[in-house]
Amino acid sequence: VLLTFHPEDPHSYRLVNSGVMLAAQADGASIVTVEGLDDTATLRQGDKETRRPVNQSTNQPISQSPIHPISQSPLPALQAAFVRTGAIQCGYCTPAQLLAAKKLLDENPHPSEAQVREALAGVLCRCTGYAKPVQAVLLAAAWMRGDAAPDGHDWEPPNLTIFNAFESGEWPAEAPPDEPPAPADPTGVIAPPRTMPVTVAAPATRVVNKPEPKVDAVKLAKGRPVFTDDVEMPGMLYGGLLTSPHAHARILAIDKSKALALPGVHAVLTHEDVPRVIYASGGQSYPNPPPYDQVSLDNKVRHVGDRVAIVAAETPELVQQALELIEVEYEILPAVFDPETAIQDGAPVIHDEPDAQMIHDP
């Protein structure tokens, strides 16, 4: 978030991490978050209201506003530049990048690339490599100054209308009128063409070879993402993990009766309740690459924070209460804390389970 303690200077910001900052530290400050980030002005044309980006040097609205086809509403210049340049991927770091960029552009309407990079350097982004966000900030700066946009990025939106299926629940049922219908087939399956013309010059296309905005970029730029934690469904349960306080220990017994007796707790699972399926925790592809040295819940813990039990309850508060009621008896085992100790003769054996595959721990 952005904080300002000087009402007479509303653009005197301090960029802070809202996740670790105490509320008392913001006492007396104005707060700006990505949801409220807006450099637009409201204009009236007859009875119609429109919102347009403001040139911050003159405080006058810019004449053309980028209307994104997903939202059908104008975006402020900074967010529009992030959407247009493809600077948004997963979106986790986008709010912090936008706020850091706003702080920079309010203080310096003519930043250099090096100054943009320095302003964004405090925001961890593992998707973009910062190339596109830097380009977006420079583009937004040009738009907000009213200068010619670099790299040919103008204010015109793409022609293809894209609907947000997550919000509306449906996709367009009909193809555009200038697109010929697909050939019918008695089976109801579109019949593939039997011949294909070959031309030297590729025909003009409406989508291929043209830049298209990421389908959820506008939502992410506006601070309205739909990540897993944002989804709430009727009757949904909340989950939580009981983790090990020991670096290496064997679980001798688990008493979950008190946790299960708590009203609103629907399940408490331990290694005794789930199938033992060995897998590799580091794999993100198929087939899962070795070593296969993990199970969901085991009777042995191999690091502080290793999984011991899972609770499902009706509220996050109930989950926490249930976790505190689970009683675990451990046999503390010798632990290994560095590679040099691990390779010594007689070092503690961490993986002694017989079903582990492709891992050698003598």
Protein backbone atom coordinates (compact mmCIF):
# COMPACT_ATOMS: atom_id res chain seq x y z
CA VAL A 1 0.00 0.00 0.00
CA LEU A 2 0.94 3.67 -0.30
CA LEU A 3 0.83 5.92 2.74
CA THR A 4 0.97 9.70 2.93
CA PHE A 5 1.19 11.67 6.17
CA HIS A 6 1.05 15.09 4.50
CA PRO A 7 -2.48 16.15 3.43
CA GLU A 8 -1.07 19.29 1.82
CA ASP A 9 1.09 17.09 -0.43
CA PRO A 10 -1.16 14.16 -1.48
CA HIS A 11 1.53 12.64 -3.71
CA SER A 12 4.13 12.38 -0.93
CA TYR A 13 3.94 8.62 -0.68
CA ARG A 14 5.69 5.94 1.32
CA LEU A 15 5.46 2.42 -0.11
CA VAL A 16 4.92 -0.15 2.64
CA ASN A 17 4.18 -3.86 2.92
CA SER A 18 0.64 -4.16 4.30
CA GLY A 19 1.25 -7.78 5.27
CA VAL A 20 3.80 -6.95 7.96
CA MET A 21 2.92 -3.37 8.88
CA LEU A 22 0.99 -2.74 12.09
CA ALA A 23 -2.25 -0.78 11.81
CA ALA A 24 -1.00 1.69 14.42
CA GLN A 25 1.87 2.63 12.13
CA ALA A 26 -0.63 4.00 9.62
CA ASP A 27 -2.31 6.24 12.19
CA GLY A 28 -2.93 9.67 10.70
CA ALA A 29 -2.04 8.59 7.17
CA SER A 30 -4.06 8.43 3.98
CA ILE A 31 -3.95 4.97 2.44
CA VAL A 32 -3.93 4.05 -1.24
CA THR A 33 -4.31 0.43 -2.35
CA VAL A 34 -4.47 -1.02 -5.84
CA GLU A 35 -8.27 -1.22 -5.60
CA GLY A 36 -8.42 2.55 -5.17
CA LEU A 37 -5.65 3.36 -7.60
CA ASP A 38 -7.31 5.71 -10.07
CA ASP A 39 -5.95 8.63 -12.07
CA THR A 40 -9.16 9.22 -14.00
CA ALA A 41 -11.48 12.21 -14.04
CA THR A 42 -15.23 12.12 -14.57
CA LEU A 43 -16.53 14.17 -17.48
CA ARG A 44 -20.10 14.76 -18.60
CA GLN A 45 -21.08 14.69 -22.24
CA GLY A 46 -24.76 15.62 -22.24
CA ASP A 47 -26.31 13.04 -19.93
CA LYS A 48 -23.49 10.54 -20.38
CA GLU A 49 -20.65 10.20 -17.93
CA THR A 50 -17.26 9.08 -19.18
CA ARG A 51 -14.03 8.55 -17.28
CA ARG A 52 -10.76 9.58 -18.88
CA PRO A 53 -7.10 9.46 -17.82
CA VAL A 54 -5.67 12.68 -16.47
CA ASN A 55 -2.47 14.32 -17.67
CA GLN A 56 -0.85 14.83 -14.28
CA SER A 57 1.25 17.75 -15.49
CA THR A 58 -1.78 19.84 -16.54
CA ASN A 59 -4.49 18.07 -14.48
CA GLN A 60 -6.52 17.85 -17.72
CA PRO A 61 -8.12 14.66 -19.02
CA ILE A 62 -6.34 12.94 -21.88
CA SER A 63 -8.55 13.03 -24.96
CA GLN A 64 -8.69 9.29 -25.60
CA SER A 65 -9.13 6.54 -23.06
CA PRO A 66 -8.35 2.86 -23.63
CA ILE A 67 -11.61 0.94 -23.36
CA HIS A 68 -10.77 -2.70 -22.82
CA PRO A 69 -13.24 -5.08 -24.47
CA ILE A 70 -13.39 -7.38 -21.46
CA SER A 71 -14.60 -4.79 -18.99
CA GLN A 72 -16.25 -2.32 -21.41
CA SER A 73 -14.95 0.45 -19.12
CA PRO A 74 -11.97 2.77 -19.36
CA LEU A 75 -8.82 1.98 -17.43
CA PRO A 76 -6.46 4.51 -15.88
CA ALA A 77 -3.30 4.96 -17.91
CA LEU A 78 -1.03 2.99 -15.59
CA GLN A 79 -3.25 -0.09 -15.43
CA ALA A 80 -4.01 0.16 -19.15
CA ALA A 81 -0.30 0.16 -19.94
CA PHE A 82 0.22 -2.99 -17.87
CA VAL A 83 -2.61 -4.70 -19.75
CA ARG A 84 -1.51 -3.47 -23.17
CA THR A 85 2.15 -4.50 -22.86
CA GLY A 86 1.46 -7.92 -21.37
CA ALA A 87 3.09 -6.98 -18.07
CA ILE A 88 0.65 -9.10 -16.04
CA GLN A 89 1.03 -12.86 -15.80
CA CYS A 90 0.10 -14.57 -12.51
CA GLY A 91 -0.86 -11.21 -11.00
CA TYR A 92 0.44 -11.82 -7.48
CA CYS A 93 2.97 -8.99 -7.68
CA THR A 94 0.91 -6.68 -9.91
CA PRO A 95 -0.63 -4.57 -7.08
CA ALA A 96 2.79 -3.83 -5.60
CA GLN A 97 4.26 -3.05 -9.01
CA LEU A 98 1.41 -0.66 -9.83
CA LEU A 99 1.73 1.16 -6.51
CA ALA A 100 5.51 1.40 -6.82
CA ALA A 101 5.05 2.76 -10.34
CA LYS A 102 2.45 5.29 -9.16
CA LYS A 103 4.83 6.55 -6.50
CA LEU A 104 7.57 6.96 -9.09
CA LEU A 105 5.42 8.69 -11.73
CA ASP A 106 3.86 11.09 -9.23
CA GLU A 107 7.34 12.16 -8.18
CA ASN A 108 8.98 11.95 -11.59
CA PRO A 109 6.81 12.18 -14.76
CA HIS A 110 9.91 11.68 -16.98
CA PRO A 111 11.62 8.59 -15.54
CA SER A 112 14.49 6.84 -17.29
CA GLU A 113 14.49 3.08 -17.75
CA ALA A 114 17.07 2.79 -14.95
CA GLN A 115 14.84 4.76 -12.60
CA VAL A 116 11.86 2.55 -13.43
CA ARG A 117 13.91 -0.57 -12.78
CA GLU A 118 15.08 0.84 -9.45
CA ALA A 119 11.49 1.68 -8.45
CA LEU A 120 10.31 -1.88 -9.21
CA ALA A 121 13.36 -3.60 -7.75
CA GLY A 122 11.76 -4.01 -4.33
CA VAL A 123 8.90 -6.09 -5.74
CA LEU A 124 9.64 -9.77 -6.25
CA CYS A 125 8.37 -10.95 -9.66
CA ARG A 126 9.27 -14.42 -10.90
CA CYS A 127 7.09 -14.45 -14.04
CA THR A 128 8.00 -11.50 -16.21
CA GLY A 129 11.70 -10.89 -15.65
CA TYR A 130 10.64 -7.22 -15.22
CA ALA A 131 11.03 -6.47 -18.95
CA LYS A 132 7.32 -5.96 -19.61
CA PRO A 133 6.53 -4.10 -16.36
CA VAL A 134 9.37 -1.67 -17.10
CA GLN A 135 7.99 -1.18 -20.61
CA ALA A 136 4.52 -0.63 -19.15
CA VAL A 137 5.66 2.08 -16.75
CA LEU A 138 7.53 3.92 -19.49
CA LEU A 139 4.46 3.67 -21.73
CA ALA A 140 2.17 4.94 -18.97
CA ALA A 141 4.52 7.84 -18.30
CA ALA A 142 4.33 8.87 -21.97
CA TRP A 143 0.54 8.57 -22.00
CA MET A 144 0.16 10.58 -18.80
CA ARG A 145 2.43 13.33 -20.13
CA GLY A 146 0.44 13.42 -23.37
CA ASP A 147 3.56 12.51 -25.36
CA ALA A 148 3.70 10.19 -28.34
CA ALA A 149 3.64 6.65 -27.04
CA PRO A 150 6.82 4.62 -27.55
CA ASP A 151 6.88 1.50 -29.71
CA GLY A 152 3.66 2.40 -31.49
CA HIS A 153 1.39 1.71 -28.50
CA ASP A 154 -1.60 3.96 -29.03
CA TRP A 155 -4.86 4.18 -27.11
CA GLU A 156 -6.94 2.12 -29.54
CA PRO A 157 -8.32 -1.11 -28.08
CA PRO A 158 -8.16 -4.39 -30.01
CA ASN A 159 -11.16 -5.16 -32.18
CA LEU A 160 -11.84 -8.65 -30.87
CA THR A 161 -14.50 -8.72 -28.18
CA ILE A 162 -13.58 -11.04 -25.33
CA PHE A 163 -16.06 -12.01 -22.66
CA ASN A 164 -15.11 -12.97 -19.15
CA ALA A 165 -16.58 -16.45 -18.78
CA PHE A 166 -15.79 -16.65 -15.09
CA GLU A 167 -17.97 -13.63 -14.28
CA SER A 168 -20.72 -13.98 -16.88
CA GLY A 169 -20.88 -17.75 -16.91
CA GLU A 170 -21.23 -18.00 -20.68
CA TRP A 171 -19.33 -17.50 -23.91
CA PRO A 172 -20.69 -15.93 -27.11
CA ALA A 173 -22.87 -18.48 -28.88
CA GLU A 174 -22.57 -17.05 -32.38
CA ALA A 175 -19.57 -16.42 -34.56
CA PRO A 176 -18.99 -12.89 -35.91
CA PRO A 177 -21.12 -12.17 -39.00
CA ASP A 178 -18.07 -11.85 -41.25
CA GLU A 179 -16.87 -15.34 -40.33
CA PRO A 180 -18.27 -18.18 -42.52
CA PRO A 181 -20.04 -21.00 -40.68
CA ALA A 182 -18.18 -24.24 -40.15
CA PRO A 183 -19.26 -27.17 -42.38
CA ALA A 184 -21.93 -29.34 -40.78
CA ASP A 185 -21.59 -33.04 -40.17
CA PRO A 186 -24.42 -35.55 -39.47
CA THR A 187 -22.63 -36.72 -36.32
CA GLY A 188 -22.67 -33.21 -34.90
CA VAL A 189 -18.88 -32.98 -35.13
CA ILE A 190 -17.32 -30.31 -37.31
CA ALA A 191 -16.00 -31.98 -40.45
CA PRO A 192 -12.34 -31.25 -41.25
CA PRO A 193 -11.61 -29.85 -44.71
CA ARG A 194 -10.33 -32.38 -47.24
CA THR A 195 -8.25 -29.88 -49.19
CA MET A 196 -6.20 -26.94 -48.04
CA PRO A 197 -5.17 -24.08 -50.35
CA VAL A 198 -1.56 -22.99 -50.24
CA THR A 199 -0.85 -19.30 -50.74
CA VAL A 200 2.35 -17.31 -50.71
CA ALA A 201 0.87 -14.37 -48.81
CA ALA A 202 -0.96 -15.26 -45.61
CA PRO A 203 -4.51 -13.86 -45.49
CA ALA A 204 -5.33 -11.16 -42.99
CA THR A 205 -6.41 -12.57 -39.66
CA ARG A 206 -8.45 -11.18 -36.82
CA VAL A 207 -6.53 -12.86 -33.97
CA VAL A 208 -3.45 -14.74 -35.16
CA ASN A 209 -0.32 -12.61 -35.39
CA LYS A 210 -1.99 -9.78 -33.47
CA PRO A 211 -1.43 -8.86 -29.82
CA GLU A 212 -4.25 -9.87 -27.52
CA PRO A 213 -4.58 -8.88 -23.87
CA LYS A 214 -4.52 -11.59 -21.23
CA VAL A 215 -8.12 -12.55 -20.52
CA ASP A 216 -7.93 -11.74 -16.79
CA ALA A 217 -5.45 -8.86 -17.02
CA VAL A 218 -8.02 -6.14 -16.39
CA LYS A 219 -9.27 -7.85 -13.25
CA LEU A 220 -5.72 -8.26 -11.96
CA ALA A 221 -4.86 -4.65 -12.79
CA LYS A 222 -7.91 -3.42 -10.88
CA GLY A 223 -7.10 -5.46 -7.80
CA ARG A 224 -10.02 -7.85 -8.35
CA PRO A 225 -8.30 -11.20 -8.81
CA VAL A 226 -9.87 -14.60 -8.33
CA PHE A 227 -7.16 -16.69 -6.74
CA THR A 228 -7.96 -19.84 -4.77
CA ASP A 229 -8.28 -17.92 -1.50
CA ASP A 230 -10.80 -15.55 -3.10
CA VAL A 231 -13.27 -18.32 -3.95
CA GLU A 232 -16.03 -18.95 -1.42
CA MET A 233 -18.77 -21.51 -2.05
CA PRO A 234 -21.85 -22.46 -0.02
CA GLY A 235 -21.03 -25.12 2.54
CA MET A 236 -17.31 -24.77 1.95
CA LEU A 237 -14.96 -26.14 4.61
CA TYR A 238 -11.60 -24.68 5.58
CA GLY A 239 -8.47 -26.76 5.92
CA GLY A 240 -5.37 -26.51 8.05
CA LEU A 241 -2.21 -28.49 8.75
CA LEU A 242 -0.68 -29.56 12.03
CA THR A 243 3.06 -29.49 11.44
CA SER A 244 6.05 -30.92 13.23
CA PRO A 245 8.05 -28.89 15.77
CA HIS A 246 10.93 -31.36 15.38
CA ALA A 247 13.54 -31.72 12.65
CA HIS A 248 13.50 -35.53 12.79
CA ALA A 249 11.09 -37.68 14.77
CA ARG A 250 8.88 -40.73 14.60
CA ILE A 251 5.18 -40.39 15.45
CA LEU A 252 4.32 -42.96 18.12
CA ALA A 253 0.71 -41.93 18.72
CA ILE A 254 -1.82 -39.28 17.75
CA ASP A 255 -4.94 -38.52 19.80
CA LYS A 256 -7.42 -36.53 17.70
CA SER A 257 -10.54 -37.24 19.78
CA LYS A 258 -10.71 -33.77 21.37
CA ALA A 259 -10.38 -32.09 17.99
CA LEU A 260 -13.11 -34.27 16.46
CA ALA A 261 -15.44 -33.52 19.38
CA LEU A 262 -15.31 -29.80 18.64
CA PRO A 263 -18.62 -28.70 16.98
CA GLY A 264 -18.04 -27.62 13.40
CA VAL A 265 -15.02 -29.88 12.86
CA HIS A 266 -15.79 -32.33 10.04
CA ALA A 267 -12.57 -34.32 9.72
CA VAL A 268 -9.14 -34.85 11.24
CA LEU A 269 -6.83 -36.96 9.10
CA THR A 270 -3.50 -38.53 10.03
CA HIS A 271 -1.20 -41.08 8.39
CA GLU A 272 -3.54 -43.78 9.68
CA ASP A 273 -6.47 -42.39 7.65
CA VAL A 274 -5.06 -41.81 4.16
CA PRO A 275 -3.60 -44.17 1.55
CA ARG A 276 0.18 -44.31 1.41
CA VAL A 277 1.01 -43.14 -2.13
CA ILE A 278 4.67 -42.34 -2.76
CA TYR A 279 5.44 -39.33 -4.97
CA ALA A 280 8.08 -36.70 -5.75
CA SER A 281 7.34 -33.34 -4.19
CA GLY A 282 9.55 -31.36 -6.56
CA GLY A 283 7.94 -32.50 -9.82
CA GLN A 284 5.60 -30.27 -11.80
CA SER A 285 5.28 -32.39 -14.92
CA TYR A 286 4.02 -35.77 -16.05
CA PRO A 287 5.37 -38.31 -15.53
CA ASN A 288 6.47 -37.09 -12.13
CA PRO A 289 10.30 -37.12 -12.04
CA PRO A 290 12.12 -38.97 -9.22
CA PRO A 291 13.05 -39.29 -6.43
CA TYR A 292 9.79 -40.62 -5.03
CA ASP A 293 10.37 -39.85 -1.37
CA GLN A 294 7.12 -38.25 -0.13
CA VAL A 295 3.68 -39.35 1.02
CA SER A 296 0.78 -37.09 2.00
CA LEU A 297 1.01 -37.99 5.69
CA ASP A 298 3.69 -40.23 7.18
CA ASN A 299 4.45 -41.78 10.56
CA LYS A 300 7.78 -39.97 10.50
CA VAL A 301 8.63 -36.28 10.16
CA ARG A 302 11.87 -35.21 8.47
CA HIS A 303 11.97 -31.45 8.99
CA VAL A 304 10.44 -28.75 11.14
CA GLY A 305 7.09 -27.97 9.52
CA ASP A 306 6.59 -31.45 8.06
CA ARG A 307 2.93 -32.54 7.84
CA VAL A 308 1.42 -34.39 10.82
CA ALA A 309 -2.37 -34.01 10.50
CA ILE A 310 -5.04 -32.28 8.41
CA VAL A 311 -8.17 -30.62 9.81
CA ALA A 312 -11.33 -29.64 7.91
CA ALA A 313 -13.77 -27.34 9.72
CA GLU A 314 -16.47 -24.77 9.06
CA THR A 315 -14.38 -21.69 9.86
CA PRO A 316 -10.66 -20.83 9.94
CA GLU A 317 -10.97 -20.17 13.68
CA LEU A 318 -12.36 -23.66 14.28
CA VAL A 319 -9.50 -25.12 12.27
CA GLN A 320 -6.98 -23.40 14.53
CA GLN A 321 -8.77 -24.53 17.68
CA ALA A 322 -8.88 -28.13 16.45
CA LEU A 323 -5.19 -28.13 15.57
CA GLU A 324 -4.34 -27.05 19.11
CA LEU A 325 -6.38 -29.95 20.55
CA ILE A 326 -4.50 -32.69 18.65
CA GLU A 327 -2.06 -34.52 20.93
CA VAL A 328 1.02 -36.12 19.34
CA GLU A 329 3.60 -38.37 20.97
CA TYR A 330 7.00 -38.20 19.24
CA GLU A 331 10.18 -40.24 19.43
CA ILE A 332 12.87 -37.61 18.83
CA LEU A 333 15.55 -38.84 16.40
CA PRO A 334 19.02 -37.44 15.60
CA ALA A 335 18.73 -34.77 12.93
CA VAL A 336 20.93 -33.53 10.09
CA PHE A 337 21.32 -29.81 9.52
CA ASP A 338 24.04 -29.50 6.86
CA PRO A 339 25.39 -31.47 3.86
CA GLU A 340 28.77 -32.17 5.44
CA THR A 341 27.17 -33.98 8.36
CA ALA A 342 24.87 -35.88 5.98
CA ILE A 343 27.81 -37.49 4.10
CA GLN A 344 29.68 -38.60 7.21
CA ASP A 345 29.83 -42.29 8.10
CA GLY A 346 27.18 -43.08 10.64
CA ALA A 347 25.10 -39.99 9.86
CA PRO A 348 21.42 -40.22 10.83
CA VAL A 349 19.31 -41.95 8.17
CA ILE A 350 16.49 -39.61 7.17
CA HIS A 351 14.82 -41.73 4.48
CA ASP A 352 14.59 -45.23 5.91
CA GLU A 353 11.15 -45.96 4.50
CA PRO A 354 11.20 -49.17 2.39
CA ASP A 355 8.95 -47.83 -0.39
CA ALA A 356 11.04 -44.77 -1.30
CA GLN A 357 12.33 -44.98 -4.85
CA MET A 358 15.51 -43.65 -6.47
CA ILE A 359 16.87 -42.07 -3.30
CA HIS A 360 19.95 -43.50 -1.60
CA ASP A 361 20.19 -42.80 2.12
CA PRO A 362 22.34 -45.61 3.64
